[in-house]
């Protein structure tokens, strides 16, 4: 079970457009930080701060490959995000938009 603090961290992390773009890139394949930097108009340290927020929220994993840090999407918290969003995609009884 995900704690409320962890859930809040996830939603804060994905609320920022740069971090969503990072997640989009990592959804295709894992990438080293140096592969991500050219995709953004920011320094490597600034990008690393965004990656840290994503990592602290449990949305990405990091592994060392020699001297490189390679990031990938961690599927862990996405099920809960999907479940929460799904609640609002189902028709609600008494909704004016029904049938």
C-alpha atoms as a PDB file:
ATOM      1  CA  UNK A   1       0.000   0.000   0.000  1.00  0.00           C
ATOM      2  CA  UNK A   2       1.248   3.460  -0.911  1.00  0.00           C
ATOM      3  CA  UNK A   3       1.298   6.063   1.850  1.00  0.00           C
ATOM      4  CA  UNK A   4      -0.379   9.416   1.399  1.00  0.00           C
ATOM      5  CA  UNK A   5       3.018  11.161   1.493  1.00  0.00           C
ATOM      6  CA  UNK A   6       4.294   8.896  -1.290  1.00  0.00           C
ATOM      7  CA  UNK A   7       1.130   9.485  -3.324  1.00  0.00           C
ATOM      8  CA  UNK A   8       1.547  13.254  -2.923  1.00  0.00           C
ATOM      9  CA  UNK A   9       5.181  12.991  -4.052  1.00  0.00           C
ATOM     10  CA  UNK A  10       4.097  11.105  -7.179  1.00  0.00           C
ATOM     11  CA  UNK A  11       1.490  13.700  -8.134  1.00  0.00           C
ATOM     12  CA  UNK A  12       3.866  16.595  -7.417  1.00  0.00           C
ATOM     13  CA  UNK A  13       6.507  14.949  -9.575  1.00  0.00           C
ATOM     14  CA  UNK A  14       4.239  14.389 -12.570  1.00  0.00           C
ATOM     15  CA  UNK A  15       2.671  17.848 -12.312  1.00  0.00           C
ATOM     16  CA  UNK A  16       5.806  19.460 -13.754  1.00  0.00           C
ATOM     17  CA  UNK A  17       6.070  19.492 -17.599  1.00  0.00           C
ATOM     18  CA  UNK A  18       9.827  18.863 -17.742  1.00  0.00           C
ATOM     19  CA  UNK A  19       9.488  15.770 -15.585  1.00  0.00           C
ATOM     20  CA  UNK A  20       6.623  14.492 -17.722  1.00  0.00           C
ATOM     21  CA  UNK A  21       8.844  14.916 -20.798  1.00  0.00           C
ATOM     22  CA  UNK A  22      11.630  12.986 -19.040  1.00  0.00           C
ATOM     23  CA  UNK A  23       9.159  10.188 -18.293  1.00  0.00           C
ATOM     24  CA  UNK A  24       8.037  10.186 -21.935  1.00  0.00           C
ATOM     25  CA  UNK A  25      11.644   9.708 -23.045  1.00  0.00           C
ATOM     26  CA  UNK A  26      12.276   6.980 -20.490  1.00  0.00           C
ATOM     27  CA  UNK A  27       9.087   5.158 -21.473  1.00  0.00           C
ATOM     28  CA  UNK A  28      10.748   4.279 -24.793  1.00  0.00           C
ATOM     29  CA  UNK A  29      13.940   2.903 -23.259  1.00  0.00           C
ATOM     30  CA  UNK A  30      16.361   3.426 -20.418  1.00  0.00           C
ATOM     31  CA  UNK A  31      18.750   6.330 -20.872  1.00  0.00           C
ATOM     32  CA  UNK A  32      21.864   7.771 -19.309  1.00  0.00           C
ATOM     33  CA  UNK A  33      21.752  11.349 -18.046  1.00  0.00           C
ATOM     34  CA  UNK A  34      24.060  12.447 -20.867  1.00  0.00           C
ATOM     35  CA  UNK A  35      21.537  11.113 -23.394  1.00  0.00           C
ATOM     36  CA  UNK A  36      18.754  13.168 -21.812  1.00  0.00           C
ATOM     37  CA  UNK A  37      20.546  16.517 -21.490  1.00  0.00           C
ATOM     38  CA  UNK A  38      20.467  17.414 -25.231  1.00  0.00           C
ATOM     39  CA  UNK A  39      16.671  17.018 -25.198  1.00  0.00           C
ATOM     40  CA  UNK A  40      16.267  19.957 -22.789  1.00  0.00           C
ATOM     41  CA  UNK A  41      17.357  23.560 -22.531  1.00  0.00           C
ATOM     42  CA  UNK A  42      19.024  23.169 -19.156  1.00  0.00           C
ATOM     43  CA  UNK A  43      22.277  22.119 -17.587  1.00  0.00           C
ATOM     44  CA  UNK A  44      23.081  18.572 -16.555  1.00  0.00           C
ATOM     45  CA  UNK A  45      22.850  19.504 -12.835  1.00  0.00           C
ATOM     46  CA  UNK A  46      19.375  21.010 -13.376  1.00  0.00           C
ATOM     47  CA  UNK A  47      18.222  17.894 -15.213  1.00  0.00           C
ATOM     48  CA  UNK A  48      19.673  15.739 -12.452  1.00  0.00           C
ATOM     49  CA  UNK A  49      17.526  17.613  -9.926  1.00  0.00           C
ATOM     50  CA  UNK A  50      14.413  16.696 -11.914  1.00  0.00           C
ATOM     51  CA  UNK A  51      15.575  13.086 -12.071  1.00  0.00           C
ATOM     52  CA  UNK A  52      16.069  13.103  -8.318  1.00  0.00           C
ATOM     53  CA  UNK A  53      12.479  14.263  -7.757  1.00  0.00           C
ATOM     54  CA  UNK A  54      11.269  11.452 -10.021  1.00  0.00           C
ATOM     55  CA  UNK A  55      13.488   8.927  -8.241  1.00  0.00           C
ATOM     56  CA  UNK A  56      12.408  10.094  -4.769  1.00  0.00           C
ATOM     57  CA  UNK A  57       8.774   9.688  -5.844  1.00  0.00           C
ATOM     58  CA  UNK A  58       9.521   6.124  -6.972  1.00  0.00           C
ATOM     59  CA  UNK A  59       8.757   6.865 -10.626  1.00  0.00           C
ATOM     60  CA  UNK A  60      12.199   6.048 -12.016  1.00  0.00           C
ATOM     61  CA  UNK A  61      14.973   3.608 -11.187  1.00  0.00           C
ATOM     62  CA  UNK A  62      18.664   4.256 -11.431  1.00  0.00           C
ATOM     63  CA  UNK A  63      21.460   1.799 -12.011  1.00  0.00           C
ATOM     64  CA  UNK A  64      25.155   2.265 -12.449  1.00  0.00           C
ATOM     65  CA  UNK A  65      26.748   1.117 -15.656  1.00  0.00           C
ATOM     66  CA  UNK A  66      30.437   1.784 -15.209  1.00  0.00           C
ATOM     67  CA  UNK A  67      30.679   5.523 -14.585  1.00  0.00           C
ATOM     68  CA  UNK A  68      27.266   6.241 -16.063  1.00  0.00           C
ATOM     69  CA  UNK A  69      23.938   6.487 -14.281  1.00  0.00           C
ATOM     70  CA  UNK A  70      21.187   4.925 -16.340  1.00  0.00           C
ATOM     71  CA  UNK A  71      17.535   5.735 -15.636  1.00  0.00           C
ATOM     72  CA  UNK A  72      14.379   3.764 -16.450  1.00  0.00           C
ATOM     73  CA  UNK A  73      10.705   4.028 -15.553  1.00  0.00           C
ATOM     74  CA  UNK A  74       9.711   2.159 -12.408  1.00  0.00           C
ATOM     75  CA  UNK A  75       6.231   0.710 -12.967  1.00  0.00           C
ATOM     76  CA  UNK A  76       5.506   0.505  -9.224  1.00  0.00           C
ATOM     77  CA  UNK A  77       3.352   3.579  -8.527  1.00  0.00           C
ATOM     78  CA  UNK A  78       1.704   3.779 -11.949  1.00  0.00           C
ATOM     79  CA  UNK A  79      -1.011   1.246 -11.090  1.00  0.00           C
ATOM     80  CA  UNK A  80      -2.300   3.439  -8.291  1.00  0.00           C
ATOM     81  CA  UNK A  81      -2.197   6.538 -10.515  1.00  0.00           C
ATOM     82  CA  UNK A  82      -4.158   4.654 -13.161  1.00  0.00           C
ATOM     83  CA  UNK A  83      -6.699   3.441 -10.589  1.00  0.00           C
ATOM     84  CA  UNK A  84      -7.213   6.963  -9.259  1.00  0.00           C
ATOM     85  CA  UNK A  85      -7.671   8.474 -12.722  1.00  0.00           C
ATOM     86  CA  UNK A  86      -9.939   5.587 -13.703  1.00  0.00           C
ATOM     87  CA  UNK A  87     -12.398   6.524 -10.970  1.00  0.00           C
ATOM     88  CA  UNK A  88     -13.189   9.686 -12.909  1.00  0.00           C
ATOM     89  CA  UNK A  89     -13.467   7.995 -16.276  1.00  0.00           C
ATOM     90  CA  UNK A  90     -16.412   5.810 -15.266  1.00  0.00           C
ATOM     91  CA  UNK A  91     -19.937   7.193 -15.553  1.00  0.00           C
ATOM     92  CA  UNK A  92     -21.265   8.301 -12.186  1.00  0.00           C
ATOM     93  CA  UNK A  93     -24.891   7.670 -11.160  1.00  0.00           C
ATOM     94  CA  UNK A  94     -26.937  10.815 -11.627  1.00  0.00           C
ATOM     95  CA  UNK A  95     -24.345  12.407 -13.924  1.00  0.00           C
ATOM     96  CA  UNK A  96     -25.991  14.798 -16.397  1.00  0.00           C
ATOM     97  CA  UNK A  97     -23.770  13.395 -19.171  1.00  0.00           C
ATOM     98  CA  UNK A  98     -25.238   9.873 -18.931  1.00  0.00           C
ATOM     99  CA  UNK A  99     -26.935   8.186 -21.839  1.00  0.00           C
END
